[in-house]
Amino acid sequence: MKNNRTIDVRPYNIKELAGIYEVGRKTMVRWLKAHQATIGKKEGRLYTTLQVQTIFDVLGPPPGVHDE
């Protein structure tokens, strides 16, 4: 059975992004650090909507997300 879900592009924190990608927080931090030049530094505790879209583009769609 294929799990098709949709994810809204909105501001997220590290913990939420880790949950979306089904990885631990430390793993998500490491993945984002590798692409920081492309994503940019977060302001405050949330990544902006534009940064989240860039994260989805760089890391690919999260597991089970239907890419429309």
N, C-alpha and C. Protein backbone atom coordinates (compact mmCIF):
# COMPACT_ATOMS: atom_id res chain seq x y z
N MET A 1 0.85 -1.18 0.00
CA MET A 1 0.00 0.00 0.00
C MET A 1 0.90 1.24 0.00
N LYS A 2 0.64 2.14 -0.92
CA LYS A 2 1.43 3.35 -1.02
C LYS A 2 0.78 4.45 -0.20
N ASN A 3 1.58 5.10 0.63
CA ASN A 3 1.09 6.16 1.50
C ASN A 3 1.26 7.50 0.78
N ASN A 4 0.19 8.08 0.31
CA ASN A 4 0.25 9.38 -0.34
C ASN A 4 -0.23 10.44 0.63
N ARG A 5 0.64 11.38 0.93
CA ARG A 5 0.27 12.48 1.80
C ARG A 5 0.76 13.77 1.18
N THR A 6 0.22 14.85 1.62
CA THR A 6 0.65 16.15 1.15
C THR A 6 1.23 16.93 2.33
N ILE A 7 2.20 17.76 2.03
CA ILE A 7 2.83 18.58 3.05
C ILE A 7 2.70 20.03 2.63
N ASP A 8 2.18 20.86 3.51
CA ASP A 8 2.07 22.28 3.23
C ASP A 8 3.44 22.94 3.28
N VAL A 9 3.67 23.86 2.35
CA VAL A 9 4.89 24.66 2.39
C VAL A 9 4.58 25.87 3.25
N ARG A 10 5.09 25.85 4.46
CA ARG A 10 4.87 26.90 5.44
C ARG A 10 6.09 26.93 6.36
N PRO A 11 6.23 27.91 7.22
CA PRO A 11 7.37 27.91 8.14
C PRO A 11 7.37 26.68 9.05
N TYR A 12 8.53 26.06 9.20
CA TYR A 12 8.71 24.90 10.08
C TYR A 12 9.96 25.08 10.91
N ASN A 13 10.00 24.42 12.08
CA ASN A 13 11.23 24.37 12.87
C ASN A 13 11.93 23.04 12.57
N ILE A 14 13.10 22.85 13.15
CA ILE A 14 13.90 21.65 12.90
C ILE A 14 13.14 20.37 13.29
N LYS A 15 12.48 20.40 14.44
CA LYS A 15 11.77 19.22 14.91
C LYS A 15 10.64 18.83 13.95
N GLU A 16 9.92 19.82 13.46
CA GLU A 16 8.83 19.54 12.51
C GLU A 16 9.38 18.98 11.19
N LEU A 17 10.47 19.56 10.70
CA LEU A 17 11.08 19.07 9.46
C LEU A 17 11.58 17.64 9.64
N ALA A 18 12.18 17.36 10.79
CA ALA A 18 12.65 16.00 11.06
C ALA A 18 11.48 15.02 11.06
N GLY A 19 10.35 15.42 11.62
CA GLY A 19 9.16 14.57 11.60
C GLY A 19 8.63 14.33 10.21
N ILE A 20 8.66 15.36 9.39
CA ILE A 20 8.19 15.24 8.00
C ILE A 20 9.06 14.26 7.22
N TYR A 21 10.38 14.33 7.45
CA TYR A 21 11.32 13.45 6.75
C TYR A 21 11.55 12.12 7.47
N GLU A 22 10.89 11.94 8.61
CA GLU A 22 10.97 10.69 9.37
C GLU A 22 12.40 10.34 9.76
N VAL A 23 13.14 11.36 10.24
CA VAL A 23 14.50 11.18 10.75
C VAL A 23 14.60 11.88 12.10
N GLY A 24 15.70 11.65 12.78
CA GLY A 24 15.93 12.33 14.04
C GLY A 24 16.32 13.79 13.83
N ARG A 25 16.19 14.56 14.90
CA ARG A 25 16.52 15.99 14.82
C ARG A 25 17.98 16.21 14.45
N LYS A 26 18.88 15.42 15.05
CA LYS A 26 20.30 15.57 14.75
C LYS A 26 20.61 15.27 13.29
N THR A 27 19.96 14.27 12.74
CA THR A 27 20.16 13.95 11.33
C THR A 27 19.68 15.10 10.46
N MET A 28 18.53 15.67 10.79
CA MET A 28 18.01 16.80 10.01
C MET A 28 18.97 17.98 10.08
N VAL A 29 19.50 18.28 11.25
CA VAL A 29 20.46 19.37 11.40
C VAL A 29 21.67 19.13 10.49
N ARG A 30 22.17 17.91 10.47
CA ARG A 30 23.33 17.57 9.64
C ARG A 30 23.00 17.74 8.15
N TRP A 31 21.83 17.27 7.72
CA TRP A 31 21.43 17.41 6.33
C TRP A 31 21.32 18.88 5.93
N LEU A 32 20.70 19.68 6.79
CA LEU A 32 20.51 21.10 6.47
C LEU A 32 21.84 21.86 6.49
N LYS A 33 22.72 21.48 7.40
CA LYS A 33 24.03 22.14 7.48
C LYS A 33 24.81 21.92 6.18
N ALA A 34 24.69 20.76 5.59
CA ALA A 34 25.39 20.46 4.33
C ALA A 34 24.91 21.35 3.18
N HIS A 35 23.70 21.89 3.29
CA HIS A 35 23.11 22.71 2.22
C HIS A 35 22.85 24.15 2.68
N GLN A 36 23.50 24.58 3.75
CA GLN A 36 23.22 25.89 4.32
C GLN A 36 23.45 27.03 3.33
N ALA A 37 24.43 26.91 2.45
CA ALA A 37 24.70 27.96 1.47
C ALA A 37 23.51 28.16 0.54
N THR A 38 22.83 27.08 0.21
CA THR A 38 21.65 27.16 -0.67
C THR A 38 20.40 27.57 0.09
N ILE A 39 20.21 27.01 1.27
CA ILE A 39 19.00 27.25 2.06
C ILE A 39 19.05 28.61 2.74
N GLY A 40 20.19 28.98 3.24
CA GLY A 40 20.33 30.23 3.98
C GLY A 40 20.15 29.98 5.47
N LYS A 41 20.58 30.93 6.26
CA LYS A 41 20.49 30.82 7.71
C LYS A 41 19.07 31.16 8.16
N LYS A 42 18.56 30.36 9.09
CA LYS A 42 17.20 30.64 9.57
C LYS A 42 17.24 31.84 10.51
N GLU A 43 16.19 32.59 10.50
CA GLU A 43 16.03 33.72 11.40
C GLU A 43 15.09 33.30 12.50
N GLY A 44 15.55 33.33 13.72
CA GLY A 44 14.72 32.86 14.84
C GLY A 44 14.71 31.35 14.87
N ARG A 45 13.58 30.76 15.21
CA ARG A 45 13.51 29.31 15.35
C ARG A 45 12.87 28.61 14.15
N LEU A 46 12.34 29.38 13.19
CA LEU A 46 11.66 28.79 12.04
C LEU A 46 12.38 29.09 10.73
N TYR A 47 12.31 28.14 9.82
CA TYR A 47 12.72 28.40 8.44
C TYR A 47 11.54 29.05 7.73
N THR A 48 11.81 30.02 6.87
CA THR A 48 10.75 30.71 6.15
C THR A 48 10.13 29.79 5.11
N THR A 49 9.01 30.20 4.57
CA THR A 49 8.33 29.43 3.53
C THR A 49 9.25 29.21 2.33
N LEU A 50 9.97 30.24 1.91
CA LEU A 50 10.90 30.12 0.79
C LEU A 50 12.02 29.13 1.12
N GLN A 51 12.53 29.18 2.35
CA GLN A 51 13.57 28.24 2.75
C GLN A 51 13.04 26.81 2.80
N VAL A 52 11.82 26.62 3.26
CA VAL A 52 11.22 25.29 3.31
C VAL A 52 11.06 24.73 1.90
N GLN A 53 10.62 25.56 0.96
CA GLN A 53 10.50 25.11 -0.43
C GLN A 53 11.88 24.71 -0.96
N THR A 54 12.90 25.48 -0.63
CA THR A 54 14.27 25.16 -1.05
C THR A 54 14.73 23.84 -0.42
N ILE A 55 14.40 23.63 0.85
CA ILE A 55 14.74 22.37 1.53
C ILE A 55 14.08 21.19 0.81
N PHE A 56 12.81 21.32 0.47
CA PHE A 56 12.11 20.25 -0.25
C PHE A 56 12.76 20.01 -1.62
N ASP A 57 13.21 21.07 -2.28
CA ASP A 57 13.87 20.93 -3.58
C ASP A 57 15.22 20.26 -3.45
N VAL A 58 16.00 20.65 -2.44
CA VAL A 58 17.36 20.14 -2.26
C VAL A 58 17.35 18.69 -1.75
N LEU A 59 16.52 18.40 -0.76
CA LEU A 59 16.50 17.07 -0.16
C LEU A 59 15.57 16.11 -0.88
N GLY A 60 14.73 16.62 -1.75
CA GLY A 60 13.75 15.79 -2.41
C GLY A 60 12.48 15.71 -1.58
N PRO A 61 11.43 15.14 -2.14
CA PRO A 61 10.18 15.06 -1.40
C PRO A 61 10.31 14.12 -0.20
N PRO A 62 9.64 14.46 0.90
CA PRO A 62 9.67 13.58 2.08
C PRO A 62 9.04 12.22 1.75
N PRO A 63 9.37 11.19 2.53
CA PRO A 63 8.81 9.86 2.28
C PRO A 63 7.29 9.87 2.28
N GLY A 64 6.72 9.23 1.28
CA GLY A 64 5.27 9.08 1.21
C GLY A 64 4.53 10.29 0.67
N VAL A 65 5.24 11.33 0.28
CA VAL A 65 4.58 12.54 -0.23
C VAL A 65 4.36 12.37 -1.72
N HIS A 66 3.14 12.63 -2.11
CA HIS A 66 2.78 12.56 -3.52
C HIS A 66 3.26 13.82 -4.21
N ASP A 67 4.19 13.69 -5.14
CA ASP A 67 4.77 14.82 -5.86
C ASP A 67 3.90 15.16 -7.06
N GLU A 68 3.14 16.25 -6.94
CA GLU A 68 2.21 16.64 -8.02
C GLU A 68 2.86 17.59 -8.98
